[in-house]
Amino acid sequence: MKDWMLIIAAAVLLASCEEKGASVKGNLSNTDGETIVLEKLTSTEVVPADSIEVDASGDFKLSVPEMTDPGFYRLRVNDNNFVILLLEKGDKAEVTGNALDFYKSYEVIGSEGSSKLRELDKRLRQDYELTDSLRRMFMDYQAAGTYNMDSIKQTIDAIFLEAQEKKNTFIEKYINDNPTSLATLSAVQSLKYDEFADKFDEVVANLEKAYPNSDYVKQFKKQLVELKAKQQAATRTGIGAQAPEIVISTPDGETIRLSDFRGKVTMIDFWASWCKPCRAENPNVVRVYNQYKDKGFEIFGVSLDRDKQQWLDAIKQDGLTWKHGSELQFWQSSFVPAYSLDGIPMTYLLDENGIIIAKGLRGAELEARLKEIFG
């Protein structure tokens, strides 16, 4: 009698857990006693949920005891062999696949979110495989020394652009058809923000309304704010824009401003003593400066250094005779966000009125542009 009571109690407890959470069961072929692990992927960390050794027939069953909003979960055989599920309360997902190639082979039912995510994965994988195939095709033609490479490149580019348009159309429809699915977070990130900013805003608006407490949505919204700020900064420093003012200190401690250079074609050279590519490029910059400085060309060396002596030593060692300034604040310098700097060396070429006319010029490209300007 007691045994029956224990069985009934366990059944009631299991049913209660499934109502509050979700379960994942399934079958994997080509297993050999592997332990399959279920982990929740939060916006900041990976949290273990459940694990079990797959039985001799490949069957397994895992559970998430309790959950509120839908969440992303990683179901993995090992660190390099896993699939992503999108589970919500009450889901009873059933997953099948080949343990040797889990991601490519798996299928899922019993979880609408996971099925939607699988549909998206399949479509994006098609684009990845096509892009990889086109890349290898181009490299093969190049290695073979094919004479009409320009024509081949145009053909490959046309195929790629057509595939991108079809992918973008699919993604837009996918988002429209699934406005309250967290899977749209994955979908929209396959679009270029500068071309589909409205779609990013639409996804956030839809999901904020559906899941106001979701950490995934909050984190994505934060990233979107950063994306917008970066795009706005890029617009502020695009070709034809007025270069943002820079006010920093010279090696002597005096104040120097970008606006001091008005009246001359000026190149802002963002660099640092610790930047090896910068130091390698400096001889070229010295050469073109000496060639054009008497014709109205000036350079404003803006350093991301933090050690003043190393900065001064580099200026002397490399023979950089133009004007310099720095905040000695490394990547925390105020001009870094103003110019959306994410790497150095980086150059901005300005006309006599401080308007940006070119970006990122180095070596032969810089020399050619200056020759075009000064003759």
Foldseek 3Di string as FASTA:
>chain_A
DVVVVVVVVVVVLVVLQLQFWEKEKEFAPPDDQFKKWKWFDAPPDIHTADIDTQDPRRIDMGIRRHDAAWTKMWIASDPVAIDIATADRNFYKYKYAYNVHRLVGIDIDRGPLRNLLNVVVVLVVVLVVLVVVLVVVLVVCVVVVPPPSVVSVVVSVVVNVVSVVVLVVVLVVSCVVCLQHPSNVVSCVVDDCVVPVVSLVSSLVSNCVNCVPGSVSVVSVVVNVVVVLLVVLCVCQDAQHFQDKDWFAFLVGDIDIPVVLAQAWEKEWEEELPDVVSLVQLVLVVVLCVVCVVVRYAYEYEYLAQDSVSRVVSCVVSVPPGTYGYNSNRCVDPCCSNNVDPDDRKMFIAHNHRGTHDIRDGHPRVNVVVVVVRD
